[in-house]
Amino acid sequence: MHQIAVMIQFVLASMFVLSSVIKFVRTASMVRHWREYRYPMWLMSVIGMAELLGAVSMLAALWIPGIAKYAAILFIILMLGAVHAHLIRAKHKPIMALNALLMLALSVVLLGIG
């Protein structure tokens, strides 16, 4: 079970580092989506910082295992918000929320086995 948890931690950390960088750089597609969500642009940086904090915590959890559950809870909250933004606020097709749903599922699994 430990190897599965570590693999999930690496996947989550990698995905959320990438996601936070996209928010910090403010790629054209992220800005477009953010406008569709109708959230203030400053919130993009706040979410990016939260994602980066979670990613760093996931990696730190390799040495301090208790941290993983808190990072997983943070990711669950963030991904519930992301699914809401895609499906409710922006009224995107469900496929647009697939990545958020996958990260949500991995976070829930990690919380359950961690």
N, C-alpha and C. Protein backbone atom coordinates (compact mmCIF):
# COMPACT_ATOMS: atom_id res chain seq x y z
N MET A 1 0.82 -1.19 0.00
CA MET A 1 0.00 0.00 0.00
C MET A 1 0.86 1.26 0.00
N HIS A 2 2.02 1.16 0.66
CA HIS A 2 2.90 2.32 0.75
C HIS A 2 3.36 2.78 -0.64
N GLN A 3 3.70 1.84 -1.52
CA GLN A 3 4.17 2.21 -2.87
C GLN A 3 3.06 2.91 -3.65
N ILE A 4 1.82 2.46 -3.48
CA ILE A 4 0.70 3.10 -4.17
C ILE A 4 0.53 4.52 -3.67
N ALA A 5 0.62 4.71 -2.36
CA ALA A 5 0.49 6.06 -1.79
C ALA A 5 1.59 6.97 -2.32
N VAL A 6 2.81 6.48 -2.40
CA VAL A 6 3.92 7.29 -2.90
C VAL A 6 3.71 7.65 -4.37
N MET A 7 3.23 6.70 -5.16
CA MET A 7 2.97 7.00 -6.58
C MET A 7 1.89 8.07 -6.71
N ILE A 8 0.84 7.95 -5.92
CA ILE A 8 -0.23 8.96 -5.95
C ILE A 8 0.31 10.32 -5.52
N GLN A 9 1.15 10.34 -4.49
CA GLN A 9 1.75 11.60 -4.04
C GLN A 9 2.55 12.26 -5.16
N PHE A 10 3.34 11.47 -5.89
CA PHE A 10 4.12 12.03 -7.00
C PHE A 10 3.23 12.55 -8.12
N VAL A 11 2.19 11.81 -8.45
CA VAL A 11 1.26 12.26 -9.50
C VAL A 11 0.60 13.57 -9.08
N LEU A 12 0.09 13.62 -7.86
CA LEU A 12 -0.57 14.83 -7.38
C LEU A 12 0.40 16.01 -7.32
N ALA A 13 1.58 15.78 -6.77
CA ALA A 13 2.57 16.87 -6.69
C ALA A 13 2.92 17.38 -8.08
N SER A 14 3.15 16.49 -9.01
CA SER A 14 3.50 16.89 -10.38
C SER A 14 2.39 17.69 -11.03
N MET A 15 1.17 17.19 -10.93
CA MET A 15 0.04 17.87 -11.57
C MET A 15 -0.21 19.25 -10.96
N PHE A 16 -0.07 19.35 -9.65
CA PHE A 16 -0.35 20.63 -9.02
C PHE A 16 0.79 21.63 -9.17
N VAL A 17 2.02 21.17 -9.31
CA VAL A 17 3.11 22.09 -9.66
C VAL A 17 2.83 22.67 -11.03
N LEU A 18 2.49 21.81 -11.98
CA LEU A 18 2.18 22.28 -13.33
C LEU A 18 1.00 23.25 -13.32
N SER A 19 -0.04 22.90 -12.60
CA SER A 19 -1.22 23.75 -12.53
C SER A 19 -0.90 25.11 -11.91
N SER A 20 -0.09 25.12 -10.87
CA SER A 20 0.26 26.39 -10.23
C SER A 20 1.12 27.25 -11.15
N VAL A 21 2.04 26.64 -11.87
CA VAL A 21 2.87 27.40 -12.81
C VAL A 21 2.00 28.03 -13.89
N ILE A 22 1.05 27.28 -14.41
CA ILE A 22 0.14 27.82 -15.44
C ILE A 22 -0.62 29.03 -14.89
N LYS A 23 -0.99 28.98 -13.63
CA LYS A 23 -1.70 30.11 -13.03
C LYS A 23 -0.76 31.29 -12.80
N PHE A 24 0.46 31.03 -12.33
CA PHE A 24 1.41 32.13 -12.09
C PHE A 24 1.82 32.80 -13.39
N VAL A 25 2.01 32.02 -14.44
CA VAL A 25 2.41 32.57 -15.75
C VAL A 25 1.22 33.25 -16.43
N ARG A 26 0.03 32.83 -16.05
CA ARG A 26 -1.21 33.35 -16.65
C ARG A 26 -1.26 33.09 -18.15
N THR A 27 -1.21 31.82 -18.48
CA THR A 27 -1.31 31.45 -19.90
C THR A 27 -2.64 31.94 -20.45
N ALA A 28 -2.68 32.13 -21.76
CA ALA A 28 -3.88 32.65 -22.41
C ALA A 28 -5.09 31.76 -22.13
N SER A 29 -4.90 30.45 -22.18
CA SER A 29 -6.03 29.54 -21.95
C SER A 29 -6.52 29.63 -20.50
N MET A 30 -5.60 29.78 -19.55
CA MET A 30 -6.02 29.89 -18.15
C MET A 30 -6.77 31.19 -17.91
N VAL A 31 -6.29 32.27 -18.48
CA VAL A 31 -6.97 33.56 -18.33
C VAL A 31 -8.37 33.49 -18.95
N ARG A 32 -8.48 32.86 -20.11
CA ARG A 32 -9.78 32.71 -20.78
C ARG A 32 -10.73 31.91 -19.89
N HIS A 33 -10.25 30.79 -19.38
CA HIS A 33 -11.09 29.98 -18.50
C HIS A 33 -11.48 30.76 -17.25
N TRP A 34 -10.54 31.48 -16.68
CA TRP A 34 -10.81 32.23 -15.44
C TRP A 34 -11.92 33.25 -15.68
N ARG A 35 -11.90 33.87 -16.85
CA ARG A 35 -12.96 34.83 -17.19
C ARG A 35 -14.30 34.11 -17.32
N GLU A 36 -14.27 32.89 -17.88
CA GLU A 36 -15.51 32.11 -18.00
C GLU A 36 -16.05 31.73 -16.63
N TYR A 37 -15.16 31.52 -15.66
CA TYR A 37 -15.59 31.18 -14.30
C TYR A 37 -16.17 32.39 -13.58
N ARG A 38 -15.83 33.59 -14.07
CA ARG A 38 -16.26 34.86 -13.47
C ARG A 38 -15.70 35.04 -12.06
N TYR A 39 -14.45 34.63 -11.89
CA TYR A 39 -13.74 34.86 -10.64
C TYR A 39 -12.79 36.05 -10.84
N PRO A 40 -12.48 36.80 -9.78
CA PRO A 40 -11.50 37.88 -9.93
C PRO A 40 -10.12 37.31 -10.25
N MET A 41 -9.35 38.04 -11.05
CA MET A 41 -8.05 37.55 -11.50
C MET A 41 -7.08 37.34 -10.34
N TRP A 42 -7.18 38.13 -9.27
CA TRP A 42 -6.26 37.94 -8.14
C TRP A 42 -6.44 36.57 -7.50
N LEU A 43 -7.65 36.00 -7.61
CA LEU A 43 -7.90 34.70 -7.02
C LEU A 43 -7.09 33.60 -7.73
N MET A 44 -6.74 33.83 -8.99
CA MET A 44 -5.92 32.87 -9.72
C MET A 44 -4.58 32.68 -9.01
N SER A 45 -3.99 33.77 -8.56
CA SER A 45 -2.70 33.68 -7.84
C SER A 45 -2.86 33.00 -6.49
N VAL A 46 -3.95 33.27 -5.80
CA VAL A 46 -4.21 32.64 -4.50
C VAL A 46 -4.37 31.13 -4.68
N ILE A 47 -5.14 30.73 -5.68
CA ILE A 47 -5.33 29.30 -5.94
C ILE A 47 -4.00 28.66 -6.35
N GLY A 48 -3.23 29.36 -7.18
CA GLY A 48 -1.91 28.86 -7.58
C GLY A 48 -1.00 28.64 -6.38
N MET A 49 -1.03 29.59 -5.44
CA MET A 49 -0.20 29.43 -4.23
C MET A 49 -0.68 28.25 -3.39
N ALA A 50 -1.99 28.08 -3.28
CA ALA A 50 -2.53 26.94 -2.52
C ALA A 50 -2.13 25.62 -3.18
N GLU A 51 -2.19 25.57 -4.51
CA GLU A 51 -1.79 24.36 -5.23
C GLU A 51 -0.30 24.07 -5.02
N LEU A 52 0.52 25.10 -5.08
CA LEU A 52 1.95 24.91 -4.87
C LEU A 52 2.25 24.46 -3.44
N LEU A 53 1.56 25.05 -2.48
CA LEU A 53 1.71 24.63 -1.08
C LEU A 53 1.35 23.15 -0.92
N GLY A 54 0.26 22.74 -1.55
CA GLY A 54 -0.14 21.34 -1.48
C GLY A 54 0.87 20.43 -2.14
N ALA A 55 1.41 20.85 -3.28
CA ALA A 55 2.41 20.03 -4.00
C ALA A 55 3.68 19.87 -3.17
N VAL A 56 4.16 20.96 -2.60
CA VAL A 56 5.36 20.90 -1.76
C VAL A 56 5.09 20.03 -0.53
N SER A 57 3.89 20.15 0.03
CA SER A 57 3.53 19.32 1.19
C SER A 57 3.49 17.84 0.82
N MET A 58 2.99 17.53 -0.38
CA MET A 58 2.96 16.13 -0.83
C MET A 58 4.37 15.56 -0.91
N LEU A 59 5.29 16.36 -1.41
CA LEU A 59 6.68 15.89 -1.50
C LEU A 59 7.31 15.80 -0.11
N ALA A 60 7.02 16.77 0.75
CA ALA A 60 7.55 16.72 2.12
C ALA A 60 7.01 15.51 2.87
N ALA A 61 5.82 15.07 2.49
CA ALA A 61 5.20 13.92 3.16
C ALA A 61 5.97 12.63 2.93
N LEU A 62 6.88 12.62 1.97
CA LEU A 62 7.73 11.45 1.79
C LEU A 62 8.63 11.25 3.00
N TRP A 63 8.96 12.34 3.70
CA TRP A 63 9.80 12.29 4.90
C TRP A 63 8.99 12.48 6.18
N ILE A 64 7.87 13.19 6.05
CA ILE A 64 7.00 13.45 7.20
C ILE A 64 5.59 12.98 6.80
N PRO A 65 5.32 11.69 6.91
CA PRO A 65 4.09 11.11 6.36
C PRO A 65 2.78 11.75 6.80
N GLY A 66 2.71 12.28 7.99
CA GLY A 66 1.46 12.86 8.47
C GLY A 66 0.97 14.05 7.67
N ILE A 67 1.86 14.68 6.94
CA ILE A 67 1.50 15.87 6.16
C ILE A 67 0.62 15.52 4.97
N ALA A 68 0.74 14.32 4.45
CA ALA A 68 0.02 13.93 3.23
C ALA A 68 -1.49 14.09 3.38
N LYS A 69 -2.02 13.76 4.54
CA LYS A 69 -3.48 13.85 4.69
C LYS A 69 -3.96 15.29 4.62
N TYR A 70 -3.16 16.22 5.13
CA TYR A 70 -3.55 17.63 5.06
C TYR A 70 -3.47 18.16 3.63
N ALA A 71 -2.44 17.75 2.91
CA ALA A 71 -2.33 18.13 1.50
C ALA A 71 -3.48 17.53 0.71
N ALA A 72 -3.84 16.29 1.00
CA ALA A 72 -4.96 15.64 0.30
C ALA A 72 -6.26 16.38 0.58
N ILE A 73 -6.48 16.81 1.82
CA ILE A 73 -7.68 17.57 2.15
C ILE A 73 -7.70 18.89 1.40
N LEU A 74 -6.55 19.57 1.34
CA LEU A 74 -6.46 20.81 0.57
C LEU A 74 -6.81 20.57 -0.89
N PHE A 75 -6.25 19.51 -1.48
CA PHE A 75 -6.54 19.20 -2.89
C PHE A 75 -8.01 18.85 -3.09
N ILE A 76 -8.61 18.15 -2.14
CA ILE A 76 -10.04 17.82 -2.26
C ILE A 76 -10.87 19.10 -2.30
N ILE A 77 -10.56 20.03 -1.42
CA ILE A 77 -11.29 21.31 -1.40
C ILE A 77 -11.08 22.06 -2.72
N LEU A 78 -9.82 22.13 -3.16
CA LEU A 78 -9.52 22.84 -4.42
C LEU A 78 -10.22 22.19 -5.61
N MET A 79 -10.22 20.87 -5.66
CA MET A 79 -10.81 20.18 -6.81
C MET A 79 -12.34 20.22 -6.79
N LEU A 80 -12.94 20.24 -5.61
CA LEU A 80 -14.38 20.46 -5.56
C LEU A 80 -14.72 21.84 -6.12
N GLY A 81 -13.89 22.82 -5.78
CA GLY A 81 -14.07 24.16 -6.34
C GLY A 81 -13.85 24.19 -7.84
N ALA A 82 -12.87 23.44 -8.32
CA ALA A 82 -12.59 23.41 -9.76
C ALA A 82 -13.74 22.77 -10.53
N VAL A 83 -14.27 21.68 -9.99
CA VAL A 83 -15.41 21.02 -10.65
C VAL A 83 -16.60 21.97 -10.68
N HIS A 84 -16.84 22.66 -9.57
CA HIS A 84 -17.92 23.65 -9.52
C HIS A 84 -17.70 24.75 -10.56
N ALA A 85 -16.47 25.24 -10.65
CA ALA A 85 -16.16 26.31 -11.61
C ALA A 85 -16.44 25.86 -13.04
N HIS A 86 -15.98 24.66 -13.38
CA HIS A 86 -16.18 24.17 -14.74
C HIS A 86 -17.66 23.91 -15.06
N LEU A 87 -18.32 23.17 -14.20
CA LEU A 87 -19.66 22.69 -14.53
C LEU A 87 -20.77 23.67 -14.20
N ILE A 88 -20.63 24.41 -13.11
CA ILE A 88 -21.71 25.30 -12.67
C ILE A 88 -21.48 26.74 -13.14
N ARG A 89 -20.33 27.29 -12.81
CA ARG A 89 -20.08 28.70 -13.15
C ARG A 89 -19.87 28.91 -14.64
N ALA A 90 -19.00 28.10 -15.27
CA ALA A 90 -18.69 28.30 -16.69
C ALA A 90 -19.58 27.46 -17.60
N LYS A 91 -20.31 26.52 -17.03
CA LYS A 91 -21.18 25.63 -17.80
C LYS A 91 -20.43 24.92 -18.93
N HIS A 92 -19.20 24.49 -18.60
CA HIS A 92 -18.41 23.72 -19.56
C HIS A 92 -19.01 22.33 -19.72
N LYS A 93 -18.61 21.67 -20.80
CA LYS A 93 -18.98 20.27 -20.98
C LYS A 93 -18.26 19.46 -19.90
N PRO A 94 -18.85 18.36 -19.46
CA PRO A 94 -18.24 17.55 -18.38
C PRO A 94 -16.79 17.14 -18.65
N ILE A 95 -16.42 16.95 -19.90
CA ILE A 95 -15.04 16.55 -20.23
C ILE A 95 -14.04 17.57 -19.70
N MET A 96 -14.45 18.84 -19.61
CA MET A 96 -13.55 19.89 -19.13
C MET A 96 -13.21 19.72 -17.65
N ALA A 97 -14.07 19.03 -16.92
CA ALA A 97 -13.83 18.82 -15.49
C ALA A 97 -13.14 17.48 -15.21
N LEU A 98 -12.80 16.74 -16.26
CA LEU A 98 -12.24 15.40 -16.09
C LEU A 98 -10.94 15.41 -15.28
N ASN A 99 -10.03 16.32 -15.60
CA ASN A 99 -8.76 16.38 -14.86
C ASN A 99 -9.00 16.68 -13.38
N ALA A 100 -9.87 17.64 -13.11
CA ALA A 100 -10.18 17.98 -11.71
C ALA A 100 -10.81 16.78 -11.00
N LEU A 101 -11.69 16.07 -11.68
CA LEU A 101 -12.32 14.89 -11.08
C LEU A 101 -11.30 13.79 -10.81
N LEU A 102 -10.35 13.63 -11.71
CA LEU A 102 -9.31 12.62 -11.51
C LEU A 102 -8.42 12.99 -10.32
N MET A 103 -8.02 14.26 -10.23
CA MET A 103 -7.20 14.70 -9.10
C MET A 103 -7.98 14.61 -7.79
N LEU A 104 -9.28 14.88 -7.86
CA LEU A 104 -10.15 14.72 -6.69
C LEU A 104 -10.17 13.26 -6.25
N ALA A 105 -10.36 12.36 -7.20
CA ALA A 105 -10.41 10.93 -6.88
C ALA A 105 -9.09 10.45 -6.28
N LEU A 106 -7.97 10.86 -6.87
CA LEU A 106 -6.67 10.46 -6.33
C LEU A 106 -6.46 11.00 -4.91
N SER A 107 -6.91 12.22 -4.68
CA SER A 107 -6.78 12.82 -3.34
C SER A 107 -7.62 12.06 -2.32
N VAL A 108 -8.83 11.68 -2.72
CA VAL A 108 -9.70 10.92 -1.81
C VAL A 108 -9.09 9.55 -1.52
N VAL A 109 -8.55 8.89 -2.55
CA VAL A 109 -7.91 7.59 -2.35
C VAL A 109 -6.72 7.73 -1.40
N LEU A 110 -5.89 8.75 -1.64
CA LEU A 110 -4.72 8.96 -0.78
C LEU A 110 -5.15 9.21 0.67
N LEU A 111 -6.18 10.01 0.84
CA LEU A 111 -6.67 10.28 2.19
C LEU A 111 -7.16 8.98 2.84
N GLY A 112 -7.79 8.13 2.05
CA GLY A 112 -8.31 6.87 2.58
C GLY A 112 -7.23 5.86 2.95
N ILE A 113 -6.14 5.82 2.17
CA ILE A 113 -5.10 4.83 2.46
C ILE A 113 -3.98 5.40 3.32
N GLY A 114 -3.95 6.73 3.43
CA GLY A 114 -2.88 7.38 4.17
C GLY A 114 -3.12 7.34 5.63
